[in-house]
């Protein structure tokens, strides 16, 4: 199989972190996500990612994040099978293949033009799926998306790299474009953003995390029409047990004693 030569840097290179993590978690005997597509994609990319140093704990955490976003997306599609899904900052994630949506779903993958070009080389075409090349902080990309159906918007590992003003603008455009729907994404606390500056994998890319979310109610205040329906910030006990003892202790400490300094969360809003 031919390898695709690429050179990703900065925020774009972080897609290799999530891809490596999902491929590594898939190789574990107790894999939760079971993302065989990530492993296949990683084999086709000709860019050395060893400097990213994605360890077992990080792989498990990223796989759990993706797993929960998958389940929320599936739940929305079960409730509304004739819908639109917009995957913001899709990178090389294989969510559409993992979920395998029905024929009534219109799916849009949105990312920078060079990332979309790479994605088209890595993954096969799929009926009902459209690639949208553009920056999500610009106005143009959403104008060409049909607005006649409810929409499920998913953003994984994307919004924290934006500025606060940009996040609010993106959410407002989405809520104003579609008649109704849900948006699900991950976010970090201010405390976590400071700690993640020392994360070896993120530091290796040169990317910077900017946006923090300490209270999901901030989103409701800033973006009219969004209503929080789920906020998950507690670790699954079974998945925590798969991690190294030091990380297990740290996660328990943050969840039980240092609640105001909780690290990350997954949130889901209705609009």
Protein backbone atom coordinates (compact mmCIF):
# COMPACT_ATOMS: atom_id res chain seq x y z
CA UNK A 1 0.00 0.00 0.00
CA UNK A 2 1.38 3.42 -0.99
CA UNK A 3 2.23 5.84 1.79
CA UNK A 4 1.06 9.46 1.60
CA UNK A 5 3.85 11.97 2.18
CA UNK A 6 2.77 14.88 4.37
CA UNK A 7 4.23 17.55 6.59
CA UNK A 8 1.84 18.77 9.25
CA UNK A 9 2.85 21.34 11.85
CA UNK A 10 1.25 23.25 14.71
CA UNK A 11 -2.43 22.62 15.40
CA UNK A 12 -2.70 20.50 12.25
CA UNK A 13 -0.09 18.08 13.57
CA UNK A 14 -2.21 17.40 16.65
CA UNK A 15 -4.41 15.23 14.43
CA UNK A 16 -1.51 12.75 14.48
CA UNK A 17 -1.72 12.66 18.29
CA UNK A 18 -5.35 11.53 18.21
CA UNK A 19 -4.71 9.16 15.32
CA UNK A 20 -1.76 7.53 17.08
CA UNK A 21 -3.74 7.30 20.31
CA UNK A 22 -6.71 5.58 18.69
CA UNK A 23 -4.48 3.20 16.76
CA UNK A 24 -2.58 2.32 19.94
CA UNK A 25 -5.78 1.81 21.95
CA UNK A 26 -7.14 -0.41 19.18
CA UNK A 27 -4.11 -2.68 19.60
CA UNK A 28 -4.85 -3.21 23.30
CA UNK A 29 -6.63 -6.49 24.12
CA UNK A 30 -9.30 -4.62 26.11
CA UNK A 31 -9.85 -1.87 23.52
CA UNK A 32 -12.95 0.25 24.08
CA UNK A 33 -13.09 2.22 20.83
CA UNK A 34 -11.93 -0.59 18.52
CA UNK A 35 -10.86 1.87 15.85
CA UNK A 36 -9.20 -0.38 13.27
CA UNK A 37 -9.56 2.44 10.76
CA UNK A 38 -7.09 4.58 12.74
CA UNK A 39 -4.45 1.88 12.57
CA UNK A 40 -4.93 1.50 8.81
CA UNK A 41 -4.73 5.28 8.28
CA UNK A 42 -1.60 5.59 10.39
CA UNK A 43 0.15 2.98 8.26
CA UNK A 44 -0.54 5.06 5.15
CA UNK A 45 0.99 8.28 6.46
CA UNK A 46 4.62 8.97 5.74
CA UNK A 47 5.38 11.35 8.59
CA UNK A 48 7.44 10.26 11.57
CA UNK A 49 5.35 10.76 14.69
CA UNK A 50 7.64 9.14 17.25
CA UNK A 51 8.51 12.54 18.69
CA UNK A 52 4.89 12.93 19.85
CA UNK A 53 5.37 10.27 22.53
CA UNK A 54 1.73 9.21 22.85
CA UNK A 55 1.69 6.85 25.84
CA UNK A 56 -0.82 4.28 27.01
CA UNK A 57 -2.64 6.58 29.45
CA UNK A 58 -3.10 9.26 26.80
CA UNK A 59 -4.28 6.67 24.27
CA UNK A 60 -6.94 5.39 26.67
CA UNK A 61 -8.11 8.90 27.54
CA UNK A 62 -8.44 9.97 23.91
CA UNK A 63 -10.24 6.73 23.00
CA UNK A 64 -12.73 7.25 25.82
CA UNK A 65 -13.40 10.81 24.64
CA UNK A 66 -14.07 9.58 21.10
CA UNK A 67 -16.22 6.72 22.37
CA UNK A 68 -18.52 9.07 24.29
CA UNK A 69 -18.86 11.46 21.35
CA UNK A 70 -19.69 8.49 19.13
CA UNK A 71 -22.43 7.37 21.53
CA UNK A 72 -23.97 10.85 21.67
CA UNK A 73 -23.94 11.04 17.89
CA UNK A 74 -25.56 7.62 17.57
CA UNK A 75 -28.24 8.57 20.09
CA UNK A 76 -29.10 11.67 18.06
CA UNK A 77 -29.28 9.66 14.83
CA UNK A 78 -31.56 7.09 16.43
CA UNK A 79 -33.92 9.86 17.47
CA UNK A 80 -33.62 11.71 14.15
CA UNK A 81 -32.52 9.40 11.31
CA UNK A 82 -33.12 12.05 8.60
CA UNK A 83 -30.53 14.55 9.71
CA UNK A 84 -27.28 16.38 9.00
CA UNK A 85 -24.03 15.63 10.83
CA UNK A 86 -21.22 18.18 10.78
CA UNK A 87 -17.82 16.95 11.96
CA UNK A 88 -15.80 20.07 12.81
CA UNK A 89 -12.02 19.76 12.55
CA UNK A 90 -12.42 16.16 11.42
CA UNK A 91 -8.70 15.57 10.85
CA UNK A 92 -8.21 11.89 10.08
CA UNK A 93 -10.80 10.68 12.54
CA UNK A 94 -12.87 7.72 11.33
CA UNK A 95 -16.09 8.56 13.18
CA UNK A 96 -18.28 8.12 10.09
CA UNK A 97 -16.90 4.62 9.55
CA UNK A 98 -17.18 3.66 13.22
CA UNK A 99 -20.80 4.84 13.42
CA UNK A 100 -21.77 3.78 9.89
CA UNK A 101 -24.83 6.06 9.63
CA UNK A 102 -27.90 5.13 7.62
CA UNK A 103 -28.79 6.43 4.13
CA UNK A 104 -30.93 9.26 5.54
CA UNK A 105 -27.92 11.01 7.07
CA UNK A 106 -26.03 13.78 5.28
CA UNK A 107 -22.53 13.92 6.73
CA UNK A 108 -20.04 16.78 6.31
CA UNK A 109 -16.35 16.57 7.21
CA UNK A 110 -14.87 20.05 7.79
CA UNK A 111 -11.18 20.93 8.10
CA UNK A 112 -8.33 22.92 6.56
CA UNK A 113 -7.86 22.34 2.80
CA UNK A 114 -4.57 20.45 3.20
CA UNK A 115 -6.09 18.18 5.85
CA UNK A 116 -9.13 17.49 3.67
CA UNK A 117 -6.81 16.70 0.75
CA UNK A 118 -4.92 14.21 2.90
CA UNK A 119 -8.14 12.71 4.19
CA UNK A 120 -9.34 12.11 0.63
CA UNK A 121 -6.13 10.19 -0.05
CA UNK A 122 -6.38 8.10 3.12
CA UNK A 123 -10.07 7.17 3.29
CA UNK A 124 -12.37 5.88 0.55
CA UNK A 125 -15.31 7.90 -0.73
CA UNK A 126 -18.55 7.23 1.07
CA UNK A 127 -22.08 7.89 -0.14
CA UNK A 128 -23.75 10.72 1.75
CA UNK A 129 -20.44 12.20 2.95
CA UNK A 130 -19.16 15.55 1.68
CA UNK A 131 -15.75 17.08 2.34
CA UNK A 132 -15.71 20.78 3.19
CA UNK A 133 -12.33 22.49 2.94
CA UNK A 134 -11.98 25.62 5.04
CA UNK A 135 -11.19 27.05 8.45
CA UNK A 136 -14.07 26.70 10.90
CA UNK A 137 -13.38 30.22 12.22
CA UNK A 138 -14.19 31.72 8.81
CA UNK A 139 -17.74 32.52 7.73
CA UNK A 140 -17.76 30.87 4.33
CA UNK A 141 -17.73 27.15 5.06
CA UNK A 142 -21.17 26.94 6.66
CA UNK A 143 -23.01 28.92 3.97
CA UNK A 144 -23.02 25.98 1.54
CA UNK A 145 -24.39 23.47 4.04
CA UNK A 146 -28.12 22.69 3.72
CA UNK A 147 -30.15 24.10 6.59
CA UNK A 148 -33.42 22.22 6.10
CA UNK A 149 -32.84 19.47 8.69
CA UNK A 150 -31.89 19.14 12.35
CA UNK A 151 -28.13 18.84 12.78
CA UNK A 152 -25.70 17.00 15.03
CA UNK A 153 -22.43 18.91 15.36
CA UNK A 154 -19.36 17.14 16.74
CA UNK A 155 -15.99 18.74 17.54
CA UNK A 156 -13.26 16.60 19.08
CA UNK A 157 -9.93 18.10 20.13
CA UNK A 158 -10.65 21.27 18.18
CA UNK A 159 -12.22 24.16 20.11
CA UNK A 160 -9.51 24.45 22.83
CA UNK A 161 -7.07 25.57 20.13
CA UNK A 162 -9.26 28.57 19.29
CA UNK A 163 -9.54 31.90 21.07
CA UNK A 164 -12.60 32.51 23.27
CA UNK A 165 -14.08 35.00 20.81
CA UNK A 166 -13.67 32.50 17.96
CA UNK A 167 -15.40 29.71 19.88
CA UNK A 168 -18.42 31.93 20.56
CA UNK A 169 -18.58 32.99 16.91
CA UNK A 170 -18.45 29.40 15.64
CA UNK A 171 -21.19 28.29 18.02
CA UNK A 172 -23.41 31.26 17.12
CA UNK A 173 -23.07 30.58 13.40
CA UNK A 174 -24.02 26.95 13.89
CA UNK A 175 -27.00 27.71 16.11
CA UNK A 176 -28.18 30.36 13.66
CA UNK A 177 -27.79 28.23 10.54
CA UNK A 178 -29.68 25.05 11.42
CA UNK A 179 -33.32 24.90 12.54
CA UNK A 180 -32.47 22.75 15.58
CA UNK A 181 -30.02 20.15 16.78
CA UNK A 182 -27.22 19.37 19.20
CA UNK A 183 -23.55 20.18 19.46
CA UNK A 184 -21.09 18.04 21.43
CA UNK A 185 -17.46 18.83 22.14
CA UNK A 186 -14.63 18.48 24.63
CA UNK A 187 -13.19 21.30 26.72
CA UNK A 188 -10.57 21.87 29.42
CA UNK A 189 -10.59 23.98 32.56
CA UNK A 190 -8.26 26.96 32.94
CA UNK A 191 -6.17 24.86 35.31
CA UNK A 192 -5.94 22.05 32.76
CA UNK A 193 -4.96 24.44 29.96
CA UNK A 194 -2.00 25.58 32.07
CA UNK A 195 -0.95 21.99 32.76
CA UNK A 196 -1.32 20.88 29.15
CA UNK A 197 1.29 23.42 28.08
CA UNK A 198 3.76 20.91 29.52
CA UNK A 199 2.23 17.89 27.78
CA UNK A 200 5.11 16.36 25.73
CA UNK A 201 2.91 15.43 22.76
CA UNK A 202 1.32 18.86 22.43
CA UNK A 203 4.63 20.65 23.03
CA UNK A 204 6.23 18.60 20.26
CA UNK A 205 3.76 20.03 17.72
CA UNK A 206 4.25 23.63 18.76
CA UNK A 207 0.47 24.03 19.02
CA UNK A 208 -1.05 26.31 21.67
CA UNK A 209 -4.21 25.71 23.66
CA UNK A 210 -6.15 28.92 24.29
CA UNK A 211 -9.80 28.44 25.17
CA UNK A 212 -10.81 27.17 28.60
CA UNK A 213 -14.24 26.28 29.94
CA UNK A 214 -14.64 26.31 33.71
CA UNK A 215 -18.43 26.42 33.75
CA UNK A 216 -20.66 25.22 30.86
CA UNK A 217 -23.17 27.91 31.83
CA UNK A 218 -20.69 30.36 30.30
CA UNK A 219 -21.64 28.98 26.90
CA UNK A 220 -25.34 29.54 27.54
CA UNK A 221 -24.64 33.14 28.53
CA UNK A 222 -22.47 33.86 25.51
CA UNK A 223 -24.43 32.00 22.82
CA UNK A 224 -28.15 32.63 22.74
CA UNK A 225 -30.21 29.52 22.03
CA UNK A 226 -27.81 26.93 23.41
CA UNK A 227 -29.04 24.86 26.35
CA UNK A 228 -26.79 22.46 28.24
CA UNK A 229 -28.22 18.94 28.33
CA UNK A 230 -25.22 16.91 29.49
CA UNK A 231 -21.89 17.60 31.19
CA UNK A 232 -19.54 14.68 31.79
CA UNK A 233 -16.41 15.38 33.78
CA UNK A 234 -16.09 12.17 35.82
CA UNK A 235 -13.96 9.30 34.61
CA UNK A 236 -15.46 5.91 33.88
CA UNK A 237 -14.23 3.60 36.66
CA UNK A 238 -13.59 0.73 34.26
CA UNK A 239 -11.50 2.87 31.94
CA UNK A 240 -9.61 4.46 34.82
CA UNK A 241 -8.59 0.98 35.93
CA UNK A 242 -6.82 0.46 32.60
CA UNK A 243 -4.45 3.34 33.31
CA UNK A 244 -1.18 3.43 35.18
CA UNK A 245 -1.37 3.71 39.00
CA UNK A 246 0.04 7.28 39.12
CA UNK A 247 -2.58 8.50 36.66
CA UNK A 248 -5.36 6.69 38.53
CA UNK A 249 -4.33 8.44 41.75
CA UNK A 250 -4.16 11.82 40.03
CA UNK A 251 -7.61 11.42 38.46
CA UNK A 252 -9.14 10.39 41.79
CA UNK A 253 -7.50 13.37 43.47
CA UNK A 254 -8.87 15.81 40.91
CA UNK A 255 -12.37 14.34 41.01
CA UNK A 256 -12.70 13.96 44.80
CA UNK A 257 -10.58 16.68 46.36
CA UNK A 258 -9.74 19.25 43.71
CA UNK A 259 -13.16 19.50 42.08
CA UNK A 260 -12.76 23.19 41.13
CA UNK A 261 -9.61 22.21 39.23
CA UNK A 262 -11.11 19.34 37.26
CA UNK A 263 -9.22 18.70 34.07
CA UNK A 264 -11.51 18.06 31.13
CA UNK A 265 -15.15 17.59 30.32
CA UNK A 266 -17.44 16.52 27.51
CA UNK A 267 -20.49 18.72 27.01
CA UNK A 268 -23.60 18.47 24.90
CA UNK A 269 -25.88 21.38 24.11
CA UNK A 270 -29.26 21.59 22.40
CA UNK A 271 -30.21 24.49 20.13
